[in-house]
Amino acid sequence: MIGAAIGVVTAIVVRLAISPGLDMVIGMLVGTAIGLIVQALLGLILSPVLGLMETMVPGMLIGMYGGMLFGMRDSMGAGSRTLLAAAAVGALFGVIVVLGVKIYDRCLRGIVLDAT
């Protein structure tokens, strides 16, 4: 749920900050900066409750890459037509990234047996 929330907030803020027709490189840089700020704020607020690695690692990928992709999309004017649709795409992106990180973590660790 946290990944979806970071994706939604990032997509909405980038959508409000980037207008169609803006240079794509500027849109990507601004989107990345916005995503970095959003994920840092939400991650620092939620990491004491959920754990640092569980919030900051997926949040970093969602915020920075999502911000860059959303900024590029919105600068081209090829994005979602409504703010709600942009939020839905952000939520979907957040869930996909979190699942990818979880699968990657499982592949690295393997099956963990509890010895207690």
PDB file of N, CA and C in Angstrom:
ATOM      1  N   MET A   1       0.823  -1.200   0.000  1.00  0.00           N
ATOM      2  CA  MET A   1       0.000   0.000   0.000  1.00  0.00           C
ATOM      3  C   MET A   1       0.868   1.265   0.000  1.00  0.00           C
ATOM      4  N   ILE A   2       2.019   1.192   0.663  1.00  0.00           N
ATOM      5  CA  ILE A   2       2.883   2.370   0.721  1.00  0.00           C
ATOM      6  C   ILE A   2       3.458   2.674  -0.653  1.00  0.00           C
ATOM      7  N   GLY A   3       3.814   1.629  -1.397  1.00  0.00           N
ATOM      8  CA  GLY A   3       4.318   1.842  -2.750  1.00  0.00           C
ATOM      9  C   GLY A   3       3.283   2.497  -3.640  1.00  0.00           C
ATOM     10  N   ALA A   4       2.047   2.070  -3.518  1.00  0.00           N
ATOM     11  CA  ALA A   4       0.969   2.682  -4.295  1.00  0.00           C
ATOM     12  C   ALA A   4       0.765   4.138  -3.874  1.00  0.00           C
ATOM     13  N   ALA A   5       0.860   4.409  -2.583  1.00  0.00           N
ATOM     14  CA  ALA A   5       0.690   5.786  -2.107  1.00  0.00           C
ATOM     15  C   ALA A   5       1.800   6.696  -2.620  1.00  0.00           C
ATOM     16  N   ILE A   6       3.037   6.204  -2.606  1.00  0.00           N
ATOM     17  CA  ILE A   6       4.149   7.007  -3.128  1.00  0.00           C
ATOM     18  C   ILE A   6       3.959   7.245  -4.622  1.00  0.00           C
ATOM     19  N   GLY A   7       3.516   6.222  -5.342  1.00  0.00           N
ATOM     20  CA  GLY A   7       3.256   6.375  -6.767  1.00  0.00           C
ATOM     21  C   GLY A   7       2.152   7.366  -7.062  1.00  0.00           C
ATOM     22  N   VAL A   8       1.080   7.330  -6.277  1.00  0.00           N
ATOM     23  CA  VAL A   8      -0.040   8.251  -6.474  1.00  0.00           C
ATOM     24  C   VAL A   8       0.384   9.689  -6.209  1.00  0.00           C
ATOM     25  N   VAL A   9       1.024   9.925  -5.074  1.00  0.00           N
ATOM     26  CA  VAL A   9       1.434  11.292  -4.728  1.00  0.00           C
ATOM     27  C   VAL A   9       2.435  11.827  -5.746  1.00  0.00           C
ATOM     28  N   THR A  10       3.381  10.990  -6.156  1.00  0.00           N
ATOM     29  CA  THR A  10       4.362  11.418  -7.150  1.00  0.00           C
ATOM     30  C   THR A  10       3.682  11.761  -8.466  1.00  0.00           C
ATOM     31  N   ALA A  11       2.780  10.896  -8.935  1.00  0.00           N
ATOM     32  CA  ALA A  11       2.100  11.142 -10.208  1.00  0.00           C
ATOM     33  C   ALA A  11       1.268  12.419 -10.163  1.00  0.00           C
ATOM     34  N   ILE A  12       0.579  12.661  -9.062  1.00  0.00           N
ATOM     35  CA  ILE A  12      -0.269  13.854  -8.965  1.00  0.00           C
ATOM     36  C   ILE A  12       0.572  15.122  -8.916  1.00  0.00           C
ATOM     37  N   VAL A  13       1.622  15.134  -8.096  1.00  0.00           N
ATOM     38  CA  VAL A  13       2.454  16.338  -7.984  1.00  0.00           C
ATOM     39  C   VAL A  13       3.177  16.621  -9.302  1.00  0.00           C
ATOM     40  N   VAL A  14       3.681  15.572  -9.952  1.00  0.00           N
ATOM     41  CA  VAL A  14       4.341  15.774 -11.251  1.00  0.00           C
ATOM     42  C   VAL A  14       3.340  16.279 -12.277  1.00  0.00           C
ATOM     43  N   ARG A  15       2.149  15.728 -12.250  1.00  0.00           N
ATOM     44  CA  ARG A  15       1.103  16.160 -13.197  1.00  0.00           C
ATOM     45  C   ARG A  15       0.776  17.637 -13.015  1.00  0.00           C
ATOM     46  N   LEU A  16       0.736  18.093 -11.770  1.00  0.00           N
ATOM     47  CA  LEU A  16       0.428  19.494 -11.499  1.00  0.00           C
ATOM     48  C   LEU A  16       1.602  20.418 -11.830  1.00  0.00           C
ATOM     49  N   ALA A  17       2.829  19.895 -11.773  1.00  0.00           N
ATOM     50  CA  ALA A  17       4.007  20.738 -11.983  1.00  0.00           C
ATOM     51  C   ALA A  17       4.459  20.800 -13.443  1.00  0.00           C
ATOM     52  N   ILE A  18       4.215  19.749 -14.206  1.00  0.00           N
ATOM     53  CA  ILE A  18       4.708  19.664 -15.581  1.00  0.00           C
ATOM     54  C   ILE A  18       3.554  19.925 -16.536  1.00  0.00           C
ATOM     55  N   SER A  19       3.760  20.878 -17.439  1.00  0.00           N
ATOM     56  CA  SER A  19       2.720  21.169 -18.427  1.00  0.00           C
ATOM     57  C   SER A  19       3.127  20.603 -19.782  1.00  0.00           C
ATOM     58  N   PRO A  20       2.144  20.228 -20.611  1.00  0.00           N
ATOM     59  CA  PRO A  20       2.463  19.738 -21.948  1.00  0.00           C
ATOM     60  C   PRO A  20       3.213  20.818 -22.745  1.00  0.00           C
ATOM     61  N   GLY A  21       4.186  20.387 -23.504  1.00  0.00           N
ATOM     62  CA  GLY A  21       4.981  21.316 -24.287  1.00  0.00           C
ATOM     63  C   GLY A  21       6.285  21.710 -23.626  1.00  0.00           C
ATOM     64  N   LEU A  22       6.436  21.383 -22.340  1.00  0.00           N
ATOM     65  CA  LEU A  22       7.699  21.647 -21.646  1.00  0.00           C
ATOM     66  C   LEU A  22       8.768  20.734 -22.244  1.00  0.00           C
ATOM     67  N   ASP A  23       9.993  21.210 -22.286  1.00  0.00           N
ATOM     68  CA  ASP A  23      11.085  20.389 -22.797  1.00  0.00           C
ATOM     69  C   ASP A  23      11.129  19.070 -22.033  1.00  0.00           C
ATOM     70  N   MET A  24      11.284  17.965 -22.768  1.00  0.00           N
ATOM     71  CA  MET A  24      11.211  16.643 -22.157  1.00  0.00           C
ATOM     72  C   MET A  24      12.317  16.418 -21.132  1.00  0.00           C
ATOM     73  N   VAL A  25      13.520  16.897 -21.420  1.00  0.00           N
ATOM     74  CA  VAL A  25      14.626  16.709 -20.481  1.00  0.00           C
ATOM     75  C   VAL A  25      14.349  17.462 -19.178  1.00  0.00           C
ATOM     76  N   ILE A  26      13.850  18.675 -19.300  1.00  0.00           N
ATOM     77  CA  ILE A  26      13.494  19.456 -18.102  1.00  0.00           C
ATOM     78  C   ILE A  26      12.372  18.752 -17.342  1.00  0.00           C
ATOM     79  N   GLY A  27      11.387  18.230 -18.068  1.00  0.00           N
ATOM     80  CA  GLY A  27      10.294  17.503 -17.425  1.00  0.00           C
ATOM     81  C   GLY A  27      10.780  16.279 -16.674  1.00  0.00           C
ATOM     82  N   MET A  28      11.737  15.564 -17.255  1.00  0.00           N
ATOM     83  CA  MET A  28      12.278  14.386 -16.590  1.00  0.00           C
ATOM     84  C   MET A  28      13.080  14.763 -15.348  1.00  0.00           C
ATOM     85  N   LEU A  29      13.879  15.822 -15.449  1.00  0.00           N
ATOM     86  CA  LEU A  29      14.676  16.255 -14.292  1.00  0.00           C
ATOM     87  C   LEU A  29      13.792  16.770 -13.162  1.00  0.00           C
ATOM     88  N   VAL A  30      12.804  17.572 -13.508  1.00  0.00           N
ATOM     89  CA  VAL A  30      11.886  18.097 -12.491  1.00  0.00           C
ATOM     90  C   VAL A  30      11.079  16.956 -11.873  1.00  0.00           C
ATOM     91  N   GLY A  31      10.612  16.019 -12.708  1.00  0.00           N
ATOM     92  CA  GLY A  31       9.860  14.874 -12.204  1.00  0.00           C
ATOM     93  C   GLY A  31      10.686  14.012 -11.265  1.00  0.00           C
ATOM     94  N   THR A  32      11.962  13.811 -11.605  1.00  0.00           N
ATOM     95  CA  THR A  32      12.849  13.039 -10.732  1.00  0.00           C
ATOM     96  C   THR A  32      13.045  13.738  -9.396  1.00  0.00           C
ATOM     97  N   ALA A  33      13.232  15.046  -9.429  1.00  0.00           N
ATOM     98  CA  ALA A  33      13.409  15.804  -8.177  1.00  0.00           C
ATOM     99  C   ALA A  33      12.145  15.749  -7.327  1.00  0.00           C
ATOM    100  N   ILE A  34      10.995  15.889  -7.963  1.00  0.00           N
ATOM    101  CA  ILE A  34       9.727  15.814  -7.231  1.00  0.00           C
ATOM    102  C   ILE A  34       9.565  14.425  -6.609  1.00  0.00           C
ATOM    103  N   GLY A  35       9.834  13.388  -7.391  1.00  0.00           N
ATOM    104  CA  GLY A  35       9.732  12.021  -6.877  1.00  0.00           C
ATOM    105  C   GLY A  35      10.675  11.760  -5.724  1.00  0.00           C
ATOM    106  N   LEU A  36      11.884  12.317  -5.798  1.00  0.00           N
ATOM    107  CA  LEU A  36      12.858  12.165  -4.717  1.00  0.00           C
ATOM    108  C   LEU A  36      12.352  12.808  -3.434  1.00  0.00           C
ATOM    109  N   ILE A  37      11.802  13.999  -3.540  1.00  0.00           N
ATOM    110  CA  ILE A  37      11.291  14.701  -2.369  1.00  0.00           C
ATOM    111  C   ILE A  37      10.091  13.967  -1.773  1.00  0.00           C
ATOM    112  N   VAL A  38       9.173  13.530  -2.630  1.00  0.00           N
ATOM    113  CA  VAL A  38       7.968  12.830  -2.155  1.00  0.00           C
ATOM    114  C   VAL A  38       8.348  11.537  -1.433  1.00  0.00           C
ATOM    115  N   GLN A  39       9.213  10.743  -2.065  1.00  0.00           N
ATOM    116  CA  GLN A  39       9.560   9.465  -1.430  1.00  0.00           C
ATOM    117  C   GLN A  39      10.367   9.662  -0.158  1.00  0.00           C
ATOM    118  N   ALA A  40      11.189  10.691  -0.094  1.00  0.00           N
ATOM    119  CA  ALA A  40      11.965  10.939   1.126  1.00  0.00           C
ATOM    120  C   ALA A  40      11.040  11.331   2.279  1.00  0.00           C
ATOM    121  N   LEU A  41      10.086  12.207   1.992  1.00  0.00           N
ATOM    122  CA  LEU A  41       9.151  12.623   3.044  1.00  0.00           C
ATOM    123  C   LEU A  41       8.291  11.460   3.527  1.00  0.00           C
ATOM    124  N   LEU A  42       7.668  10.749   2.591  1.00  0.00           N
ATOM    125  CA  LEU A  42       6.817   9.627   2.992  1.00  0.00           C
ATOM    126  C   LEU A  42       7.630   8.494   3.619  1.00  0.00           C
ATOM    127  N   GLY A  43       8.827   8.252   3.087  1.00  0.00           N
ATOM    128  CA  GLY A  43       9.669   7.196   3.639  1.00  0.00           C
ATOM    129  C   GLY A  43      10.124   7.490   5.050  1.00  0.00           C
ATOM    130  N   LEU A  44      10.516   8.729   5.309  1.00  0.00           N
ATOM    131  CA  LEU A  44      10.963   9.084   6.660  1.00  0.00           C
ATOM    132  C   LEU A  44       9.820   9.055   7.663  1.00  0.00           C
ATOM    133  N   ILE A  45       8.637   9.374   7.213  1.00  0.00           N
ATOM    134  CA  ILE A  45       7.476   9.328   8.107  1.00  0.00           C
ATOM    135  C   ILE A  45       7.102   7.884   8.429  1.00  0.00           C
ATOM    136  N   LEU A  46       7.155   7.001   7.427  1.00  0.00           N
ATOM    137  CA  LEU A  46       6.664   5.642   7.606  1.00  0.00           C
ATOM    138  C   LEU A  46       7.724   4.618   7.997  1.00  0.00           C
ATOM    139  N   SER A  47       8.995   4.946   7.832  1.00  0.00           N
ATOM    140  CA  SER A  47      10.033   3.953   8.118  1.00  0.00           C
ATOM    141  C   SER A  47      10.120   3.530   9.589  1.00  0.00           C
ATOM    142  N   PRO A  48       9.831   4.381  10.570  1.00  0.00           N
ATOM    143  CA  PRO A  48       9.849   3.872  11.950  1.00  0.00           C
ATOM    144  C   PRO A  48       8.784   2.803  12.208  1.00  0.00           C
ATOM    145  N   VAL A  49       7.703   2.849  11.471  1.00  0.00           N
ATOM    146  CA  VAL A  49       6.619   1.894  11.680  1.00  0.00           C
ATOM    147  C   VAL A  49       6.825   0.620  10.869  1.00  0.00           C
ATOM    148  N   LEU A  50       7.212   0.777   9.597  1.00  0.00           N
ATOM    149  CA  LEU A  50       7.275  -0.368   8.688  1.00  0.00           C
ATOM    150  C   LEU A  50       8.681  -0.905   8.454  1.00  0.00           C
ATOM    151  N   GLY A  51       9.683  -0.155   8.804  1.00  0.00           N
ATOM    152  CA  GLY A  51      11.060  -0.580   8.569  1.00  0.00           C
ATOM    153  C   GLY A  51      11.681   0.220   7.439  1.00  0.00           C
ATOM    154  N   LEU A  52      12.944   0.504   7.601  1.00  0.00           N
ATOM    155  CA  LEU A  52      13.653   1.356   6.649  1.00  0.00           C
ATOM    156  C   LEU A  52      13.786   0.695   5.281  1.00  0.00           C
ATOM    157  N   MET A  53      14.195  -0.549   5.244  1.00  0.00           N
ATOM    158  CA  MET A  53      14.411  -1.211   3.953  1.00  0.00           C
ATOM    159  C   MET A  53      13.102  -1.467   3.219  1.00  0.00           C
ATOM    160  N   GLU A  54      12.030  -1.684   3.956  1.00  0.00           N
ATOM    161  CA  GLU A  54      10.747  -1.976   3.315  1.00  0.00           C
ATOM    162  C   GLU A  54      10.099  -0.732   2.722  1.00  0.00           C
ATOM    163  N   THR A  55      10.466   0.446   3.212  1.00  0.00           N
ATOM    164  CA  THR A  55       9.861   1.666   2.675  1.00  0.00           C
ATOM    165  C   THR A  55      10.800   2.448   1.764  1.00  0.00           C
ATOM    166  N   MET A  56      12.056   2.542   2.121  1.00  0.00           N
ATOM    167  CA  MET A  56      12.949   3.428   1.377  1.00  0.00           C
ATOM    168  C   MET A  56      13.455   2.827   0.068  1.00  0.00           C
ATOM    169  N   VAL A  57      13.726   1.544   0.020  1.00  0.00           N
ATOM    170  CA  VAL A  57      14.257   0.958  -1.210  1.00  0.00           C
ATOM    171  C   VAL A  57      13.206   0.965  -2.318  1.00  0.00           C
ATOM    172  N   PRO A  58      12.001   0.412  -2.102  1.00  0.00           N
ATOM    173  CA  PRO A  58      11.007   0.526  -3.164  1.00  0.00           C
ATOM    174  C   PRO A  58      10.579   1.975  -3.395  1.00  0.00           C
ATOM    175  N   GLY A  59      10.512   2.761  -2.322  1.00  0.00           N
ATOM    176  CA  GLY A  59      10.114   4.160  -2.459  1.00  0.00           C
ATOM    177  C   GLY A  59      11.076   4.956  -3.313  1.00  0.00           C
ATOM    178  N   MET A  60      12.369   4.674  -3.183  1.00  0.00           N
ATOM    179  CA  MET A  60      13.374   5.357  -3.989  1.00  0.00           C
ATOM    180  C   MET A  60      13.160   5.056  -5.464  1.00  0.00           C
ATOM    181  N   LEU A  61      12.924   3.798  -5.789  1.00  0.00           N
ATOM    182  CA  LEU A  61      12.714   3.425  -7.185  1.00  0.00           C
ATOM    183  C   LEU A  61      11.416   4.015  -7.726  1.00  0.00           C
ATOM    184  N   ILE A  62      10.371   3.971  -6.921  1.00  0.00           N
ATOM    185  CA  ILE A  62       9.084   4.506  -7.350  1.00  0.00           C
ATOM    186  C   ILE A  62       9.163   6.015  -7.540  1.00  0.00           C
ATOM    187  N   GLY A  63       9.714   6.698  -6.552  1.00  0.00           N
ATOM    188  CA  GLY A  63       9.756   8.152  -6.612  1.00  0.00           C
ATOM    189  C   GLY A  63      10.626   8.683  -7.729  1.00  0.00           C
ATOM    190  N   MET A  64      11.842   8.168  -7.832  1.00  0.00           N
ATOM    191  CA  MET A  64      12.772   8.724  -8.805  1.00  0.00           C
ATOM    192  C   MET A  64      12.456   8.272 -10.228  1.00  0.00           C
ATOM    193  N   TYR A  65      12.277   6.970 -10.441  1.00  0.00           N
ATOM    194  CA  TYR A  65      11.966   6.511 -11.793  1.00  0.00           C
ATOM    195  C   TYR A  65      10.548   6.874 -12.196  1.00  0.00           C
ATOM    196  N   GLY A  66       9.615   6.764 -11.257  1.00  0.00           N
ATOM    197  CA  GLY A  66       8.243   7.167 -11.562  1.00  0.00           C
ATOM    198  C   GLY A  66       8.154   8.644 -11.877  1.00  0.00           C
ATOM    199  N   GLY A  67       8.830   9.467 -11.077  1.00  0.00           N
ATOM    200  CA  GLY A  67       8.836  10.899 -11.349  1.00  0.00           C
ATOM    201  C   GLY A  67       9.415  11.215 -12.709  1.00  0.00           C
ATOM    202  N   MET A  68      10.488  10.514 -13.071  1.00  0.00           N
ATOM    203  CA  MET A  68      11.105  10.741 -14.374  1.00  0.00           C
ATOM    204  C   MET A  68      10.158  10.311 -15.495  1.00  0.00           C
ATOM    205  N   LEU A  69       9.560   9.143 -15.359  1.00  0.00           N
ATOM    206  CA  LEU A  69       8.651   8.662 -16.405  1.00  0.00           C
ATOM    207  C   LEU A  69       7.385   9.502 -16.495  1.00  0.00           C
ATOM    208  N   PHE A  70       6.819   9.878 -15.345  1.00  0.00           N
ATOM    209  CA  PHE A  70       5.617  10.699 -15.357  1.00  0.00           C
ATOM    210  C   PHE A  70       5.912  12.083 -15.913  1.00  0.00           C
ATOM    211  N   GLY A  71       7.081  12.645 -15.575  1.00  0.00           N
ATOM    212  CA  GLY A  71       7.472  13.950 -16.107  1.00  0.00           C
ATOM    213  C   GLY A  71       7.642  13.917 -17.614  1.00  0.00           C
ATOM    214  N   MET A  72       8.259  12.860 -18.124  1.00  0.00           N
ATOM    215  CA  MET A  72       8.424  12.720 -19.569  1.00  0.00           C
ATOM    216  C   MET A  72       7.070  12.578 -20.238  1.00  0.00           C
ATOM    217  N   ARG A  73       6.208  11.748 -19.676  1.00  0.00           N
ATOM    218  CA  ARG A  73       4.881  11.521 -20.245  1.00  0.00           C
ATOM    219  C   ARG A  73       4.062  12.805 -20.263  1.00  0.00           C
ATOM    220  N   ASP A  74       4.083  13.538 -19.159  1.00  0.00           N
ATOM    221  CA  ASP A  74       3.282  14.751 -19.086  1.00  0.00           C
ATOM    222  C   ASP A  74       3.847  15.874 -19.954  1.00  0.00           C
ATOM    223  N   SER A  75       5.163  15.923 -20.139  1.00  0.00           N
ATOM    224  CA  SER A  75       5.735  16.963 -21.003  1.00  0.00           C
ATOM    225  C   SER A  75       5.389  16.713 -22.461  1.00  0.00           C
ATOM    226  N   MET A  76       5.203  15.465 -22.840  1.00  0.00           N
ATOM    227  CA  MET A  76       4.794  15.149 -24.210  1.00  0.00           C
ATOM    228  C   MET A  76       3.297  15.320 -24.414  1.00  0.00           C
ATOM    229  N   GLY A  77       2.550  15.452 -23.345  1.00  0.00           N
ATOM    230  CA  GLY A  77       1.098  15.552 -23.453  1.00  0.00           C
ATOM    231  C   GLY A  77       0.469  14.207 -23.769  1.00  0.00           C
ATOM    232  N   ALA A  78       1.212  13.127 -23.546  1.00  0.00           N
ATOM    233  CA  ALA A  78       0.721  11.794 -23.866  1.00  0.00           C
ATOM    234  C   ALA A  78       0.210  11.070 -22.634  1.00  0.00           C
ATOM    235  N   GLY A  79       0.056  11.776 -21.547  1.00  0.00           N
ATOM    236  CA  GLY A  79      -0.337  11.153 -20.292  1.00  0.00           C
ATOM    237  C   GLY A  79      -1.823  10.903 -20.203  1.00  0.00           C
ATOM    238  N   SER A  80      -2.236  10.536 -19.039  1.00  0.00           N
ATOM    239  CA  SER A  80      -3.644  10.284 -18.758  1.00  0.00           C
ATOM    240  C   SER A  80      -4.434  11.581 -18.894  1.00  0.00           C
ATOM    241  N   ARG A  81      -5.664  11.461 -19.287  1.00  0.00           N
ATOM    242  CA  ARG A  81      -6.489  12.646 -19.544  1.00  0.00           C
ATOM    243  C   ARG A  81      -6.937  13.352 -18.263  1.00  0.00           C
ATOM    244  N   THR A  82      -7.164  12.590 -17.194  1.00  0.00           N
ATOM    245  CA  THR A  82      -7.640  13.188 -15.943  1.00  0.00           C
ATOM    246  C   THR A  82      -6.623  12.961 -14.832  1.00  0.00           C
ATOM    247  N   LEU A  83      -6.776  13.718 -13.775  1.00  0.00           N
ATOM    248  CA  LEU A  83      -5.894  13.572 -12.616  1.00  0.00           C
ATOM    249  C   LEU A  83      -6.110  12.225 -11.931  1.00  0.00           C
ATOM    250  N   LEU A  84      -7.346  11.752 -11.925  1.00  0.00           N
ATOM    251  CA  LEU A  84      -7.648  10.450 -11.334  1.00  0.00           C
ATOM    252  C   LEU A  84      -6.981   9.318 -12.116  1.00  0.00           C
ATOM    253  N   ALA A  85      -6.980   9.421 -13.426  1.00  0.00           N
ATOM    254  CA  ALA A  85      -6.315   8.401 -14.250  1.00  0.00           C
ATOM    255  C   ALA A  85      -4.805   8.429 -14.031  1.00  0.00           C
ATOM    256  N   ALA A  86      -4.228   9.614 -13.882  1.00  0.00           N
ATOM    257  CA  ALA A  86      -2.793   9.718 -13.592  1.00  0.00           C
ATOM    258  C   ALA A  86      -2.481   9.103 -12.237  1.00  0.00           C
ATOM    259  N   ALA A  87      -3.354   9.305 -11.254  1.00  0.00           N
ATOM    260  CA  ALA A  87      -3.164   8.701  -9.932  1.00  0.00           C
ATOM    261  C   ALA A  87      -3.256   7.182 -10.006  1.00  0.00           C
ATOM    262  N   ALA A  88      -4.154   6.671 -10.827  1.00  0.00           N
ATOM    263  CA  ALA A  88      -4.284   5.216 -10.981  1.00  0.00           C
ATOM    264  C   ALA A  88      -3.028   4.621 -11.612  1.00  0.00           C
ATOM    265  N   VAL A  89      -2.468   5.304 -12.595  1.00  0.00           N
ATOM    266  CA  VAL A  89      -1.219   4.833 -13.211  1.00  0.00           C
ATOM    267  C   VAL A  89      -0.092   4.863 -12.186  1.00  0.00           C
ATOM    268  N   GLY A  90      -0.039   5.899 -11.360  1.00  0.00           N
ATOM    269  CA  GLY A  90       0.969   5.977 -10.304  1.00  0.00           C
ATOM    270  C   GLY A  90       0.833   4.850  -9.303  1.00  0.00           C
ATOM    271  N   ALA A  91      -0.398   4.533  -8.922  1.00  0.00           N
ATOM    272  CA  ALA A  91      -0.626   3.430  -7.981  1.00  0.00           C
ATOM    273  C   ALA A  91      -0.198   2.102  -8.591  1.00  0.00           C
ATOM    274  N   LEU A  92      -0.536   1.879  -9.840  1.00  0.00           N
ATOM    275  CA  LEU A  92      -0.149   0.643 -10.519  1.00  0.00           C
ATOM    276  C   LEU A  92       1.374   0.537 -10.627  1.00  0.00           C
ATOM    277  N   PHE A  93       2.025   1.636 -10.970  1.00  0.00           N
ATOM    278  CA  PHE A  93       3.484   1.645 -11.054  1.00  0.00           C
ATOM    279  C   PHE A  93       4.100   1.321  -9.697  1.00  0.00           C
ATOM    280  N   GLY A  94       3.554   1.902  -8.632  1.00  0.00           N
ATOM    281  CA  GLY A  94       4.065   1.639  -7.287  1.00  0.00           C
ATOM    282  C   GLY A  94       3.929   0.178  -6.887  1.00  0.00           C
ATOM    283  N   VAL A  95       2.788  -0.418  -7.182  1.00  0.00           N
ATOM    284  CA  VAL A  95       2.562  -1.826  -6.838  1.00  0.00           C
ATOM    285  C   VAL A  95       3.504  -2.725  -7.638  1.00  0.00           C
ATOM    286  N   ILE A  96       3.691  -2.440  -8.913  1.00  0.00           N
ATOM    287  CA  ILE A  96       4.576  -3.258  -9.746  1.00  0.00           C
ATOM    288  C   ILE A  96       6.020  -3.184  -9.242  1.00  0.00           C
ATOM    289  N   VAL A  97       6.478  -1.992  -8.876  1.00  0.00           N
ATOM    290  CA  VAL A  97       7.848  -1.851  -8.377  1.00  0.00           C
ATOM    291  C   VAL A  97       8.020  -2.585  -7.050  1.00  0.00           C
ATOM    292  N   VAL A  98       7.059  -2.468  -6.147  1.00  0.00           N
ATOM    293  CA  VAL A  98       7.159  -3.162  -4.858  1.00  0.00           C
ATOM    294  C   VAL A  98       7.194  -4.679  -5.076  1.00  0.00           C
ATOM    295  N   LEU A  99       6.345  -5.188  -5.959  1.00  0.00           N
ATOM    296  CA  LEU A  99       6.364  -6.628  -6.240  1.00  0.00           C
ATOM    297  C   LEU A  99       7.701  -7.049  -6.850  1.00  0.00           C
ATOM    298  N   GLY A 100       8.243  -6.229  -7.736  1.00  0.00           N
ATOM    299  CA  GLY A 100       9.546  -6.533  -8.324  1.00  0.00           C
ATOM    300  C   GLY A 100      10.655  -6.578  -7.291  1.00  0.00           C
ATOM    301  N   VAL A 101      10.638  -5.633  -6.358  1.00  0.00           N
ATOM    302  CA  VAL A 101      11.647  -5.621  -5.288  1.00  0.00           C
ATOM    303  C   VAL A 101      11.484  -6.841  -4.381  1.00  0.00           C
ATOM    304  N   LYS A 102      10.247  -7.203  -4.066  1.00  0.00           N
ATOM    305  CA  LYS A 102      10.005  -8.370  -3.210  1.00  0.00           C
ATOM    306  C   LYS A 102      10.478  -9.655  -3.893  1.00  0.00           C
ATOM    307  N   ILE A 103      10.201  -9.795  -5.183  1.00  0.00           N
ATOM    308  CA  ILE A 103      10.634 -10.987  -5.914  1.00  0.00           C
ATOM    309  C   ILE A 103      12.155 -11.029  -5.992  1.00  0.00           C
ATOM    310  N   TYR A 104      12.780  -9.893  -6.252  1.00  0.00           N
ATOM    311  CA  TYR A 104      14.239  -9.837  -6.306  1.00  0.00           C
ATOM    312  C   TYR A 104      14.853 -10.195  -4.956  1.00  0.00           C
ATOM    313  N   ASP A 105      14.269  -9.689  -3.875  1.00  0.00           N
ATOM    314  CA  ASP A 105      14.756 -10.007  -2.535  1.00  0.00           C
ATOM    315  C   ASP A 105      14.628 -11.501  -2.252  1.00  0.00           C
ATOM    316  N   ARG A 106      13.527 -12.080  -2.668  1.00  0.00           N
ATOM    317  CA  ARG A 106      13.304 -13.514  -2.459  1.00  0.00           C
ATOM    318  C   ARG A 106      14.332 -14.337  -3.249  1.00  0.00           C
ATOM    319  N   CYS A 107      14.653 -13.904  -4.462  1.00  0.00           N
ATOM    320  CA  CYS A 107      15.654 -14.601  -5.272  1.00  0.00           C
ATOM    321  C   CYS A 107      17.035 -14.511  -4.636  1.00  0.00           C
ATOM    322  N   LEU A 108      17.371 -13.368  -4.064  1.00  0.00           N
ATOM    323  CA  LEU A 108      18.678 -13.212  -3.436  1.00  0.00           C
ATOM    324  C   LEU A 108      18.805 -14.007  -2.148  1.00  0.00           C
ATOM    325  N   ARG A 109      17.772 -13.993  -1.348  1.00  0.00           N
ATOM    326  CA  ARG A 109      17.833 -14.650  -0.041  1.00  0.00           C
ATOM    327  C   ARG A 109      17.548 -16.137  -0.110  1.00  0.00           C
ATOM    328  N   GLY A 110      16.680 -16.545  -0.992  1.00  0.00           N
ATOM    329  CA  GLY A 110      16.250 -17.938  -1.008  1.00  0.00           C
ATOM    330  C   GLY A 110      15.254 -18.166   0.111  1.00  0.00           C
ATOM    331  N   ILE A 111      15.041 -19.400   0.437  1.00  0.00           N
ATOM    332  CA  ILE A 111      14.105 -19.740   1.511  1.00  0.00           C
ATOM    333  C   ILE A 111      14.841 -19.589   2.845  1.00  0.00           C
ATOM    334  N   VAL A 112      14.250 -18.834   3.763  1.00  0.00           N
ATOM    335  CA  VAL A 112      14.852 -18.602   5.073  1.00  0.00           C
ATOM    336  C   VAL A 112      14.155 -19.517   6.075  1.00  0.00           C
ATOM    337  N   LEU A 113      14.959 -20.332   6.748  1.00  0.00           N
ATOM    338  CA  LEU A 113      14.413 -21.225   7.757  1.00  0.00           C
ATOM    339  C   LEU A 113      14.644 -20.622   9.130  1.00  0.00           C
ATOM    340  N   ASP A 114      13.617 -20.636   9.941  1.00  0.00           N
ATOM    341  CA  ASP A 114      13.719 -20.129  11.303  1.00  0.00           C
ATOM    342  C   ASP A 114      14.252 -21.226  12.204  1.00  0.00           C
ATOM    343  N   ALA A 115      15.383 -20.990  12.851  1.00  0.00           N
ATOM    344  CA  ALA A 115      16.050 -22.015  13.661  1.00  0.00           C
ATOM    345  C   ALA A 115      15.588 -22.017  15.116  1.00  0.00           C
ATOM    346  N   THR A 116      14.656 -21.167  15.490  1.00  0.00           N
ATOM    347  CA  THR A 116      14.246 -21.121  16.891  1.00  0.00           C
ATOM    348  C   THR A 116      13.130 -22.069  17.201  1.00  0.00           C
TER     349      THR A 116
END
